[in-house]
Amino acid sequence: MSIIGVGTDVVEIDRFRTSLVRTPGLRDRLFTDHEREYAALKTDPSDRLAARFAAKEATMKALGVGIGAMNMAEIEVVHHDDGRPELVLHAQAAALAAARGVGRWHLSLTHTESVAQAVVIAEST
């Protein structure tokens, strides 16, 4: 096993919240139904959505591509029963990861009141 790529991203939560209010369709374009449902468990889902957006950006960086290489909703953050986040890639994102030899993902999410951060490591099998 070897590391194929590492990505990190930081999102300002207030700025992201403003974008979600200004552009209502953004939630549907960026997030899966499951991600939106998970975030909606909180009164203000902005921090959870910002962390997931950071994870999507970090995943693209780990793959060595930029925005536009895939639909952001093709990169999904799911949770295990123990609360641990995990990446699941779909469609074009999954195909690109397979072509690059990614067999395993490592994901760390965190946020404060003002920023959300994600770190992604793409590993071969």
C-alpha atoms as a PDB file:
ATOM      1  CA  MET A   1       0.000   0.000   0.000  1.00  0.00           C
ATOM      2  CA  SER A   2       1.147   3.513  -0.759  1.00  0.00           C
ATOM      3  CA  ILE A   3      -0.260   7.003  -0.560  1.00  0.00           C
ATOM      4  CA  ILE A   4      -1.588   8.239  -3.885  1.00  0.00           C
ATOM      5  CA  GLY A   5      -2.570  11.702  -2.711  1.00  0.00           C
ATOM      6  CA  VAL A   6      -3.352  13.953   0.221  1.00  0.00           C
ATOM      7  CA  GLY A   7      -5.879  16.765   0.218  1.00  0.00           C
ATOM      8  CA  THR A   8      -7.012  19.300   2.762  1.00  0.00           C
ATOM      9  CA  ASP A   9      -9.527  22.105   2.683  1.00  0.00           C
ATOM     10  CA  VAL A  10     -10.840  24.750   5.080  1.00  0.00           C
ATOM     11  CA  VAL A  11     -14.237  26.437   4.725  1.00  0.00           C
ATOM     12  CA  GLU A  12     -15.431  29.565   6.541  1.00  0.00           C
ATOM     13  CA  ILE A  13     -18.800  28.523   7.957  1.00  0.00           C
ATOM     14  CA  ASP A  14     -20.451  31.983   7.907  1.00  0.00           C
ATOM     15  CA  ARG A  15     -19.452  32.524   4.299  1.00  0.00           C
ATOM     16  CA  PHE A  16     -20.729  29.060   3.369  1.00  0.00           C
ATOM     17  CA  ARG A  17     -24.004  29.697   5.235  1.00  0.00           C
ATOM     18  CA  THR A  18     -24.443  32.928   3.241  1.00  0.00           C
ATOM     19  CA  SER A  19     -23.866  31.035  -0.030  1.00  0.00           C
ATOM     20  CA  LEU A  20     -26.490  28.442   0.919  1.00  0.00           C
ATOM     21  CA  VAL A  21     -29.049  31.180   1.651  1.00  0.00           C
ATOM     22  CA  ARG A  22     -28.211  33.200  -1.458  1.00  0.00           C
ATOM     23  CA  THR A  23     -28.294  30.148  -3.764  1.00  0.00           C
ATOM     24  CA  PRO A  24     -30.972  27.714  -2.518  1.00  0.00           C
ATOM     25  CA  GLY A  25     -30.244  25.109  -5.216  1.00  0.00           C
ATOM     26  CA  LEU A  26     -26.661  24.785  -4.003  1.00  0.00           C
ATOM     27  CA  ARG A  27     -27.587  22.139  -1.406  1.00  0.00           C
ATOM     28  CA  ASP A  28     -29.040  19.865  -4.075  1.00  0.00           C
ATOM     29  CA  ARG A  29     -26.087  20.348  -6.437  1.00  0.00           C
ATOM     30  CA  LEU A  30     -23.404  19.734  -3.800  1.00  0.00           C
ATOM     31  CA  PHE A  31     -24.850  17.150  -1.436  1.00  0.00           C
ATOM     32  CA  THR A  32     -26.595  13.784  -1.573  1.00  0.00           C
ATOM     33  CA  ASP A  33     -29.988  13.212   0.028  1.00  0.00           C
ATOM     34  CA  HIS A  34     -28.267  11.365   2.868  1.00  0.00           C
ATOM     35  CA  GLU A  35     -25.838  14.227   3.547  1.00  0.00           C
ATOM     36  CA  ARG A  36     -28.648  16.793   3.581  1.00  0.00           C
ATOM     37  CA  GLU A  37     -30.747  14.622   5.914  1.00  0.00           C
ATOM     38  CA  TYR A  38     -27.826  14.159   8.316  1.00  0.00           C
ATOM     39  CA  ALA A  39     -27.074  17.884   8.381  1.00  0.00           C
ATOM     40  CA  ALA A  40     -30.764  18.734   8.895  1.00  0.00           C
ATOM     41  CA  LEU A  41     -30.699  16.965  12.273  1.00  0.00           C
ATOM     42  CA  LYS A  42     -29.252  20.240  13.621  1.00  0.00           C
ATOM     43  CA  THR A  43     -31.147  23.534  13.779  1.00  0.00           C
ATOM     44  CA  ASP A  44     -28.364  25.167  11.765  1.00  0.00           C
ATOM     45  CA  PRO A  45     -26.832  22.562   9.445  1.00  0.00           C
ATOM     46  CA  SER A  46     -24.197  24.962   8.070  1.00  0.00           C
ATOM     47  CA  ASP A  47     -21.230  23.546  10.001  1.00  0.00           C
ATOM     48  CA  ARG A  48     -21.990  19.963   8.950  1.00  0.00           C
ATOM     49  CA  LEU A  49     -22.492  20.957   5.321  1.00  0.00           C
ATOM     50  CA  ALA A  50     -19.347  23.098   5.340  1.00  0.00           C
ATOM     51  CA  ALA A  51     -17.319  20.149   6.665  1.00  0.00           C
ATOM     52  CA  ARG A  52     -18.719  17.907   3.923  1.00  0.00           C
ATOM     53  CA  PHE A  53     -17.961  20.516   1.290  1.00  0.00           C
ATOM     54  CA  ALA A  54     -14.388  20.683   2.624  1.00  0.00           C
ATOM     55  CA  ALA A  55     -14.213  16.872   2.349  1.00  0.00           C
ATOM     56  CA  LYS A  56     -15.315  17.001  -1.282  1.00  0.00           C
ATOM     57  CA  GLU A  57     -12.712  19.658  -2.101  1.00  0.00           C
ATOM     58  CA  ALA A  58     -10.013  17.717  -0.227  1.00  0.00           C
ATOM     59  CA  THR A  59     -10.954  14.528  -2.097  1.00  0.00           C
ATOM     60  CA  MET A  60     -10.509  16.253  -5.456  1.00  0.00           C
ATOM     61  CA  LYS A  61      -7.131  17.572  -4.306  1.00  0.00           C
ATOM     62  CA  ALA A  62      -6.084  14.076  -3.222  1.00  0.00           C
ATOM     63  CA  LEU A  63      -7.054  12.858  -6.701  1.00  0.00           C
ATOM     64  CA  GLY A  64      -5.088  15.685  -8.315  1.00  0.00           C
ATOM     65  CA  VAL A  65      -8.090  17.295 -10.014  1.00  0.00           C
ATOM     66  CA  GLY A  66      -9.969  20.547  -9.607  1.00  0.00           C
ATOM     67  CA  ILE A  67     -13.560  21.676  -9.449  1.00  0.00           C
ATOM     68  CA  GLY A  68     -15.418  20.632 -12.555  1.00  0.00           C
ATOM     69  CA  ALA A  69     -13.708  17.259 -12.883  1.00  0.00           C
ATOM     70  CA  MET A  70     -16.808  15.631 -11.367  1.00  0.00           C
ATOM     71  CA  ASN A  71     -20.154  16.417  -9.821  1.00  0.00           C
ATOM     72  CA  MET A  72     -19.623  17.264  -6.138  1.00  0.00           C
ATOM     73  CA  ALA A  73     -22.565  15.063  -5.126  1.00  0.00           C
ATOM     74  CA  GLU A  74     -20.608  12.074  -6.514  1.00  0.00           C
ATOM     75  CA  ILE A  75     -18.374  12.414  -3.441  1.00  0.00           C
ATOM     76  CA  GLU A  76     -20.391  11.447  -0.375  1.00  0.00           C
ATOM     77  CA  VAL A  77     -19.571  11.532   3.326  1.00  0.00           C
ATOM     78  CA  VAL A  78     -21.314   8.767   5.270  1.00  0.00           C
ATOM     79  CA  HIS A  79     -21.003   7.742   8.902  1.00  0.00           C
ATOM     80  CA  HIS A  80     -20.393   4.404  10.559  1.00  0.00           C
ATOM     81  CA  ASP A  81     -22.457   3.468  13.605  1.00  0.00           C
ATOM     82  CA  ASP A  82     -19.570   4.635  15.804  1.00  0.00           C
ATOM     83  CA  GLY A  83     -19.719   8.117  14.214  1.00  0.00           C
ATOM     84  CA  ARG A  84     -16.576   7.743  12.120  1.00  0.00           C
ATOM     85  CA  PRO A  85     -16.881   9.504   8.744  1.00  0.00           C
ATOM     86  CA  GLU A  86     -16.115   7.677   5.525  1.00  0.00           C
ATOM     87  CA  LEU A  87     -15.950   8.650   1.862  1.00  0.00           C
ATOM     88  CA  VAL A  88     -18.069   6.876  -0.735  1.00  0.00           C
ATOM     89  CA  LEU A  89     -17.518   7.845  -4.357  1.00  0.00           C
ATOM     90  CA  HIS A  90     -20.101   7.360  -7.081  1.00  0.00           C
ATOM     91  CA  ALA A  91     -20.204   7.506 -10.899  1.00  0.00           C
ATOM     92  CA  GLN A  92     -17.400   9.541 -12.510  1.00  0.00           C
ATOM     93  CA  ALA A  93     -15.688  10.215  -9.160  1.00  0.00           C
ATOM     94  CA  ALA A  94     -15.506   6.477  -8.442  1.00  0.00           C
ATOM     95  CA  ALA A  95     -14.210   5.765 -11.952  1.00  0.00           C
ATOM     96  CA  LEU A  96     -11.487   8.396 -11.604  1.00  0.00           C
ATOM     97  CA  ALA A  97     -10.424   7.038  -8.212  1.00  0.00           C
ATOM     98  CA  ALA A  98     -10.270   3.501  -9.615  1.00  0.00           C
ATOM     99  CA  ALA A  99      -8.238   4.692 -12.605  1.00  0.00           C
ATOM    100  CA  ARG A 100      -5.787   6.339 -10.207  1.00  0.00           C
ATOM    101  CA  GLY A 101      -5.527   3.110  -8.190  1.00  0.00           C
ATOM    102  CA  VAL A 102      -7.256   4.332  -5.037  1.00  0.00           C
ATOM    103  CA  GLY A 103      -8.404   1.399  -2.953  1.00  0.00           C
ATOM    104  CA  ARG A 104      -8.873   3.024   0.419  1.00  0.00           C
ATOM    105  CA  TRP A 105      -9.745   6.472   1.772  1.00  0.00           C
ATOM    106  CA  HIS A 106      -8.923   8.091   5.094  1.00  0.00           C
ATOM    107  CA  LEU A 107     -11.034  11.081   6.146  1.00  0.00           C
ATOM    108  CA  SER A 108     -10.879  13.438   9.095  1.00  0.00           C
ATOM    109  CA  LEU A 109     -13.450  16.207   9.642  1.00  0.00           C
ATOM    110  CA  THR A 110     -13.449  18.957  12.241  1.00  0.00           C
ATOM    111  CA  HIS A 111     -15.045  22.316  12.806  1.00  0.00           C
ATOM    112  CA  THR A 112     -15.139  25.205  15.225  1.00  0.00           C
ATOM    113  CA  GLU A 113     -17.760  27.938  15.330  1.00  0.00           C
ATOM    114  CA  SER A 114     -16.036  29.706  12.429  1.00  0.00           C
ATOM    115  CA  VAL A 115     -14.277  27.135  10.230  1.00  0.00           C
ATOM    116  CA  ALA A 116     -14.712  23.573   9.002  1.00  0.00           C
ATOM    117  CA  GLN A 117     -11.772  21.473   7.851  1.00  0.00           C
ATOM    118  CA  ALA A 118     -11.269  18.136   6.146  1.00  0.00           C
ATOM    119  CA  VAL A 119      -8.167  16.069   5.494  1.00  0.00           C
ATOM    120  CA  VAL A 120      -8.291  13.222   2.964  1.00  0.00           C
ATOM    121  CA  ILE A 121      -5.680  10.593   2.198  1.00  0.00           C
ATOM    122  CA  ALA A 122      -6.052   8.395  -0.885  1.00  0.00           C
ATOM    123  CA  GLU A 123      -4.272   5.069  -0.538  1.00  0.00           C
ATOM    124  CA  SER A 124      -3.647   2.249  -2.976  1.00  0.00           C
ATOM    125  CA  THR A 125      -4.551  -1.320  -2.085  1.00  0.00           C
END
